Amino acid sequence: MRFILNIIWLILCGFWMAIGYVVAGLICCVLIVTIPFGIASFRIASFALWPFGRTTVERRDAGAGSLIGNVIWFVFAGWWLALGHIVTGIALCVTIIGIPLGIANFKLIPVSLFPLGREIVPTDQAFAGYR
């Protein structure tokens, strides 16, 4: 089922959202100081292409640097990308078939707002380190 949802996701919205993250990552990589933001954006782009079967977890070793970086990211790129997820999620929730895809869009909003200090893992490993 995950495979089918990922294929439908890729066709309807995943490709376009991933392009948004790649563009944000390229803009960040042009400036030397914001290369960490570009790398985080490319990570999220891969997650936006194929979200079903994966989730994000907070890294326990993330410190004040990721907090400051998340604030900067939120101001310059995060809220634009989150707005894209909100609009796409609402549009997908109009149909019954699109509801799981809309929920997946809403699941991507926190990571699009605050990407630093998070790690993308398979859903079966999400709580493996917390046992």
N, C-alpha and C. Protein backbone atom coordinates (compact mmCIF):
# COMPACT_ATOMS: atom_id res chain seq x y z
N MET A 1 0.80 -1.19 0.00
CA MET A 1 0.00 0.00 0.00
C MET A 1 0.85 1.26 0.00
N ARG A 2 1.98 1.22 0.74
CA ARG A 2 2.88 2.37 0.77
C ARG A 2 3.41 2.70 -0.62
N PHE A 3 3.73 1.66 -1.37
CA PHE A 3 4.27 1.87 -2.71
C PHE A 3 3.25 2.57 -3.60
N ILE A 4 1.99 2.13 -3.54
CA ILE A 4 0.94 2.74 -4.36
C ILE A 4 0.72 4.19 -3.94
N LEU A 5 0.68 4.45 -2.63
CA LEU A 5 0.50 5.82 -2.15
C LEU A 5 1.68 6.70 -2.56
N ASN A 6 2.89 6.15 -2.50
CA ASN A 6 4.06 6.93 -2.92
C ASN A 6 4.03 7.26 -4.40
N ILE A 7 3.57 6.35 -5.24
CA ILE A 7 3.48 6.62 -6.67
C ILE A 7 2.43 7.70 -6.95
N ILE A 8 1.26 7.57 -6.31
CA ILE A 8 0.22 8.59 -6.50
C ILE A 8 0.70 9.94 -5.97
N TRP A 9 1.37 9.91 -4.82
CA TRP A 9 1.94 11.12 -4.23
C TRP A 9 2.93 11.78 -5.18
N LEU A 10 3.81 10.99 -5.75
CA LEU A 10 4.83 11.52 -6.65
C LEU A 10 4.20 12.23 -7.83
N ILE A 11 3.15 11.65 -8.38
CA ILE A 11 2.49 12.23 -9.55
C ILE A 11 1.71 13.49 -9.19
N LEU A 12 0.96 13.46 -8.09
CA LEU A 12 0.07 14.58 -7.78
C LEU A 12 0.76 15.77 -7.12
N CYS A 13 1.69 15.51 -6.20
CA CYS A 13 2.27 16.66 -5.51
C CYS A 13 3.72 16.49 -5.10
N GLY A 14 4.20 15.28 -5.00
CA GLY A 14 5.56 15.07 -4.50
C GLY A 14 6.64 15.67 -5.38
N PHE A 15 6.47 15.55 -6.68
CA PHE A 15 7.47 16.08 -7.60
C PHE A 15 7.56 17.59 -7.48
N TRP A 16 6.40 18.26 -7.39
CA TRP A 16 6.38 19.72 -7.33
C TRP A 16 6.91 20.23 -6.00
N MET A 17 6.58 19.56 -4.92
CA MET A 17 7.10 19.99 -3.62
C MET A 17 8.60 19.76 -3.54
N ALA A 18 9.08 18.66 -4.11
CA ALA A 18 10.51 18.39 -4.11
C ALA A 18 11.26 19.45 -4.92
N ILE A 19 10.67 19.90 -6.01
CA ILE A 19 11.30 20.97 -6.80
C ILE A 19 11.41 22.24 -5.95
N GLY A 20 10.40 22.53 -5.15
CA GLY A 20 10.47 23.69 -4.26
C GLY A 20 11.62 23.59 -3.27
N TYR A 21 11.81 22.39 -2.71
CA TYR A 21 12.92 22.19 -1.77
C TYR A 21 14.27 22.26 -2.48
N VAL A 22 14.35 21.73 -3.68
CA VAL A 22 15.61 21.77 -4.42
C VAL A 22 15.96 23.22 -4.78
N VAL A 23 14.98 24.00 -5.20
CA VAL A 23 15.23 25.41 -5.51
C VAL A 23 15.71 26.14 -4.26
N ALA A 24 15.06 25.91 -3.12
CA ALA A 24 15.49 26.52 -1.87
C ALA A 24 16.90 26.07 -1.51
N GLY A 25 17.21 24.79 -1.72
CA GLY A 25 18.54 24.28 -1.43
C GLY A 25 19.60 24.89 -2.34
N LEU A 26 19.28 25.06 -3.61
CA LEU A 26 20.24 25.67 -4.54
C LEU A 26 20.50 27.13 -4.18
N ILE A 27 19.46 27.84 -3.81
CA ILE A 27 19.64 29.24 -3.39
C ILE A 27 20.51 29.30 -2.14
N CYS A 28 20.28 28.38 -1.20
CA CYS A 28 21.08 28.35 0.01
C CYS A 28 22.53 27.97 -0.26
N CYS A 29 22.75 27.10 -1.23
CA CYS A 29 24.12 26.66 -1.53
C CYS A 29 24.91 27.70 -2.31
N VAL A 30 24.24 28.64 -2.95
CA VAL A 30 24.95 29.71 -3.65
C VAL A 30 25.69 30.59 -2.64
N LEU A 31 25.06 30.85 -1.52
CA LEU A 31 25.70 31.61 -0.45
C LEU A 31 26.48 30.63 0.42
N ILE A 32 27.70 30.93 0.70
CA ILE A 32 28.57 30.01 1.44
C ILE A 32 28.04 29.77 2.87
N VAL A 33 27.56 30.80 3.50
CA VAL A 33 27.15 30.70 4.90
C VAL A 33 25.95 29.78 5.08
N THR A 34 25.09 29.70 4.09
CA THR A 34 23.84 28.94 4.25
C THR A 34 23.89 27.54 3.65
N ILE A 35 25.08 27.00 3.43
CA ILE A 35 25.20 25.65 2.89
C ILE A 35 24.53 24.60 3.79
N PRO A 36 24.62 24.68 5.13
CA PRO A 36 23.89 23.70 5.96
C PRO A 36 22.39 23.70 5.70
N PHE A 37 21.82 24.88 5.42
CA PHE A 37 20.40 24.96 5.09
C PHE A 37 20.13 24.27 3.76
N GLY A 38 21.04 24.43 2.80
CA GLY A 38 20.88 23.77 1.50
C GLY A 38 20.90 22.26 1.64
N ILE A 39 21.81 21.75 2.46
CA ILE A 39 21.89 20.30 2.67
C ILE A 39 20.61 19.79 3.33
N ALA A 40 20.11 20.53 4.32
CA ALA A 40 18.85 20.13 4.97
C ALA A 40 17.70 20.17 3.97
N SER A 41 17.71 21.16 3.10
CA SER A 41 16.65 21.26 2.10
C SER A 41 16.68 20.10 1.12
N PHE A 42 17.87 19.66 0.72
CA PHE A 42 17.98 18.51 -0.17
C PHE A 42 17.51 17.23 0.52
N ARG A 43 17.79 17.10 1.83
CA ARG A 43 17.29 15.94 2.58
C ARG A 43 15.76 15.91 2.59
N ILE A 44 15.16 17.07 2.83
CA ILE A 44 13.71 17.14 2.87
C ILE A 44 13.12 16.91 1.48
N ALA A 45 13.84 17.32 0.44
CA ALA A 45 13.36 17.08 -0.93
C ALA A 45 13.21 15.59 -1.19
N SER A 46 14.16 14.79 -0.71
CA SER A 46 14.03 13.34 -0.90
C SER A 46 12.86 12.79 -0.08
N PHE A 47 12.62 13.37 1.09
CA PHE A 47 11.49 12.96 1.91
C PHE A 47 10.18 13.38 1.26
N ALA A 48 10.17 14.54 0.62
CA ALA A 48 8.96 15.02 -0.06
C ALA A 48 8.64 14.20 -1.31
N LEU A 49 9.64 13.57 -1.89
CA LEU A 49 9.39 12.71 -3.05
C LEU A 49 8.73 11.39 -2.66
N TRP A 50 9.11 10.84 -1.53
CA TRP A 50 8.71 9.49 -1.14
C TRP A 50 8.42 9.44 0.36
N PRO A 51 7.31 10.05 0.85
CA PRO A 51 7.11 10.18 2.30
C PRO A 51 6.52 8.97 3.01
N PHE A 52 5.77 8.15 2.30
CA PHE A 52 5.09 7.04 2.98
C PHE A 52 6.11 5.95 3.32
N GLY A 53 6.09 5.54 4.58
CA GLY A 53 7.04 4.55 5.06
C GLY A 53 8.24 5.19 5.74
N ARG A 54 8.27 6.52 5.79
CA ARG A 54 9.35 7.23 6.48
C ARG A 54 8.74 8.32 7.36
N THR A 55 9.49 8.71 8.37
CA THR A 55 9.07 9.77 9.27
C THR A 55 10.29 10.52 9.76
N THR A 56 10.08 11.58 10.51
CA THR A 56 11.19 12.33 11.07
C THR A 56 11.21 12.17 12.58
N VAL A 57 12.39 12.15 13.13
CA VAL A 57 12.57 12.13 14.58
C VAL A 57 13.56 13.23 14.94
N GLU A 58 13.42 13.75 16.15
CA GLU A 58 14.34 14.77 16.61
C GLU A 58 15.65 14.13 17.01
N ARG A 59 16.73 14.79 16.65
CA ARG A 59 18.06 14.32 17.07
C ARG A 59 18.34 14.86 18.46
N ARG A 60 18.77 13.99 19.33
CA ARG A 60 19.04 14.41 20.71
C ARG A 60 20.33 15.21 20.83
N ASP A 61 21.22 15.08 19.85
CA ASP A 61 22.48 15.81 19.92
C ASP A 61 22.41 17.19 19.28
N ALA A 62 21.25 17.59 18.80
CA ALA A 62 21.08 18.92 18.21
C ALA A 62 21.07 19.95 19.34
N GLY A 63 21.82 21.01 19.14
CA GLY A 63 21.94 22.00 20.20
C GLY A 63 21.41 23.36 19.81
N ALA A 64 22.04 24.37 20.37
CA ALA A 64 21.62 25.75 20.16
C ALA A 64 21.83 26.19 18.72
N GLY A 65 22.83 25.62 18.06
CA GLY A 65 23.08 25.97 16.65
C GLY A 65 21.91 25.62 15.75
N SER A 66 21.30 24.47 15.99
CA SER A 66 20.15 24.09 15.18
C SER A 66 18.94 24.95 15.51
N LEU A 67 18.82 25.38 16.77
CA LEU A 67 17.72 26.27 17.13
C LEU A 67 17.85 27.61 16.42
N ILE A 68 19.02 28.18 16.44
CA ILE A 68 19.25 29.45 15.74
C ILE A 68 19.07 29.28 14.24
N GLY A 69 19.59 28.19 13.71
CA GLY A 69 19.44 27.91 12.28
C GLY A 69 17.99 27.73 11.88
N ASN A 70 17.20 27.09 12.73
CA ASN A 70 15.77 26.91 12.43
C ASN A 70 15.03 28.24 12.40
N VAL A 71 15.41 29.16 13.27
CA VAL A 71 14.77 30.48 13.27
C VAL A 71 15.10 31.20 11.96
N ILE A 72 16.35 31.15 11.54
CA ILE A 72 16.75 31.78 10.28
C ILE A 72 16.05 31.11 9.10
N TRP A 73 16.00 29.78 9.11
CA TRP A 73 15.32 29.03 8.04
C TRP A 73 13.84 29.40 7.97
N PHE A 74 13.19 29.48 9.13
CA PHE A 74 11.77 29.81 9.18
C PHE A 74 11.50 31.16 8.52
N VAL A 75 12.34 32.14 8.80
CA VAL A 75 12.12 33.49 8.27
C VAL A 75 12.30 33.53 6.76
N PHE A 76 13.33 32.85 6.24
CA PHE A 76 13.67 33.00 4.83
C PHE A 76 13.03 31.98 3.90
N ALA A 77 12.83 30.75 4.34
CA ALA A 77 12.32 29.72 3.41
C ALA A 77 11.25 28.84 4.01
N GLY A 78 11.27 28.61 5.30
CA GLY A 78 10.39 27.62 5.91
C GLY A 78 8.92 27.91 5.76
N TRP A 79 8.52 29.15 5.99
CA TRP A 79 7.09 29.42 5.93
C TRP A 79 6.56 29.37 4.52
N TRP A 80 7.41 29.66 3.50
CA TRP A 80 6.96 29.52 2.10
C TRP A 80 6.69 28.06 1.77
N LEU A 81 7.60 27.20 2.17
CA LEU A 81 7.43 25.77 1.89
C LEU A 81 6.27 25.19 2.68
N ALA A 82 6.10 25.62 3.93
CA ALA A 82 4.97 25.16 4.72
C ALA A 82 3.65 25.62 4.11
N LEU A 83 3.62 26.82 3.59
CA LEU A 83 2.42 27.32 2.92
C LEU A 83 2.08 26.46 1.71
N GLY A 84 3.11 26.03 0.97
CA GLY A 84 2.88 25.11 -0.16
C GLY A 84 2.27 23.80 0.30
N HIS A 85 2.74 23.27 1.43
CA HIS A 85 2.17 22.03 1.97
C HIS A 85 0.73 22.24 2.42
N ILE A 86 0.43 23.37 3.02
CA ILE A 86 -0.93 23.64 3.49
C ILE A 86 -1.89 23.72 2.31
N VAL A 87 -1.52 24.49 1.29
CA VAL A 87 -2.40 24.65 0.12
C VAL A 87 -2.59 23.32 -0.59
N THR A 88 -1.50 22.59 -0.80
CA THR A 88 -1.60 21.30 -1.48
C THR A 88 -2.38 20.29 -0.64
N GLY A 89 -2.16 20.30 0.68
CA GLY A 89 -2.89 19.37 1.55
C GLY A 89 -4.38 19.62 1.55
N ILE A 90 -4.78 20.88 1.58
CA ILE A 90 -6.20 21.21 1.54
C ILE A 90 -6.81 20.79 0.20
N ALA A 91 -6.08 21.06 -0.89
CA ALA A 91 -6.58 20.68 -2.22
C ALA A 91 -6.73 19.17 -2.34
N LEU A 92 -5.81 18.41 -1.77
CA LEU A 92 -5.89 16.96 -1.86
C LEU A 92 -7.00 16.39 -0.97
N CYS A 93 -7.29 17.04 0.14
CA CYS A 93 -8.33 16.54 1.05
C CYS A 93 -9.74 16.75 0.51
N VAL A 94 -9.88 17.41 -0.62
CA VAL A 94 -11.21 17.61 -1.20
C VAL A 94 -11.80 16.28 -1.66
N THR A 95 -10.96 15.38 -2.16
CA THR A 95 -11.44 14.08 -2.62
C THR A 95 -11.15 13.01 -1.58
N ILE A 96 -11.90 11.95 -1.59
CA ILE A 96 -11.70 10.86 -0.63
C ILE A 96 -10.36 10.17 -0.88
N ILE A 97 -10.01 9.97 -2.13
CA ILE A 97 -8.74 9.32 -2.46
C ILE A 97 -7.55 10.17 -2.03
N GLY A 98 -7.70 11.48 -2.06
CA GLY A 98 -6.60 12.37 -1.73
C GLY A 98 -6.40 12.63 -0.25
N ILE A 99 -7.30 12.14 0.60
CA ILE A 99 -7.18 12.41 2.04
C ILE A 99 -5.87 11.89 2.63
N PRO A 100 -5.43 10.65 2.35
CA PRO A 100 -4.13 10.23 2.90
C PRO A 100 -2.97 11.09 2.39
N LEU A 101 -3.08 11.57 1.16
CA LEU A 101 -2.04 12.42 0.61
C LEU A 101 -2.05 13.80 1.27
N GLY A 102 -3.25 14.31 1.56
CA GLY A 102 -3.35 15.57 2.27
C GLY A 102 -2.78 15.48 3.68
N ILE A 103 -3.06 14.36 4.35
CA ILE A 103 -2.52 14.15 5.69
C ILE A 103 -1.00 14.07 5.64
N ALA A 104 -0.45 13.43 4.61
CA ALA A 104 1.00 13.37 4.45
C ALA A 104 1.58 14.76 4.22
N ASN A 105 0.86 15.62 3.49
CA ASN A 105 1.30 17.00 3.32
C ASN A 105 1.34 17.72 4.66
N PHE A 106 0.32 17.53 5.47
CA PHE A 106 0.29 18.17 6.78
C PHE A 106 1.40 17.62 7.68
N LYS A 107 1.78 16.35 7.48
CA LYS A 107 2.86 15.74 8.25
C LYS A 107 4.21 16.39 7.92
N LEU A 108 4.34 16.91 6.71
CA LEU A 108 5.59 17.53 6.28
C LEU A 108 5.73 18.98 6.74
N ILE A 109 4.70 19.58 7.27
CA ILE A 109 4.76 20.98 7.68
C ILE A 109 5.79 21.22 8.79
N PRO A 110 5.81 20.44 9.88
CA PRO A 110 6.81 20.73 10.93
C PRO A 110 8.25 20.62 10.44
N VAL A 111 8.54 19.65 9.60
CA VAL A 111 9.91 19.51 9.11
C VAL A 111 10.25 20.59 8.08
N SER A 112 9.24 21.11 7.38
CA SER A 112 9.52 22.20 6.45
C SER A 112 9.75 23.51 7.20
N LEU A 113 9.15 23.67 8.36
CA LEU A 113 9.36 24.88 9.15
C LEU A 113 10.67 24.84 9.93
N PHE A 114 11.01 23.70 10.49
CA PHE A 114 12.19 23.56 11.34
C PHE A 114 12.97 22.30 10.97
N PRO A 115 13.78 22.33 9.90
CA PRO A 115 14.44 21.11 9.42
C PRO A 115 15.70 20.71 10.18
N LEU A 116 16.36 21.66 10.80
CA LEU A 116 17.62 21.33 11.47
C LEU A 116 17.34 20.65 12.79
N GLY A 117 18.14 19.65 13.12
CA GLY A 117 17.93 18.89 14.35
C GLY A 117 16.94 17.75 14.19
N ARG A 118 16.62 17.40 12.95
CA ARG A 118 15.71 16.29 12.66
C ARG A 118 16.42 15.30 11.75
N GLU A 119 15.98 14.07 11.83
CA GLU A 119 16.52 13.00 11.00
C GLU A 119 15.37 12.23 10.38
N ILE A 120 15.52 11.86 9.11
CA ILE A 120 14.49 11.09 8.41
C ILE A 120 14.83 9.62 8.53
N VAL A 121 13.89 8.84 9.08
CA VAL A 121 14.12 7.41 9.31
C VAL A 121 12.91 6.63 8.80
N PRO A 122 13.11 5.33 8.51
CA PRO A 122 11.94 4.49 8.19
C PRO A 122 10.99 4.41 9.39
N THR A 123 9.71 4.28 9.11
CA THR A 123 8.74 4.29 10.21
C THR A 123 8.92 3.15 11.18
N ASP A 124 9.45 2.03 10.74
CA ASP A 124 9.65 0.92 11.66
C ASP A 124 10.85 1.15 12.58
N GLN A 125 11.71 2.13 12.28
CA GLN A 125 12.85 2.46 13.14
C GLN A 125 12.64 3.74 13.93
N ALA A 126 11.48 4.34 13.80
CA ALA A 126 11.26 5.65 14.42
C ALA A 126 11.42 5.63 15.93
N PHE A 127 10.99 4.57 16.58
CA PHE A 127 11.09 4.50 18.04
C PHE A 127 12.08 3.44 18.50
N ALA A 128 12.92 2.95 17.61
CA ALA A 128 13.88 1.90 17.98
C ALA A 128 14.90 2.41 18.98
N GLY A 129 15.31 3.66 18.85
CA GLY A 129 16.31 4.20 19.77
C GLY A 129 15.74 4.64 21.11
N TYR A 130 14.45 4.64 21.26
CA TYR A 130 13.82 5.12 22.48
C TYR A 130 13.38 4.00 23.40
N ARG A 131 13.65 2.77 23.05
CA ARG A 131 13.22 1.64 23.89
C ARG A 131 14.19 1.37 24.98
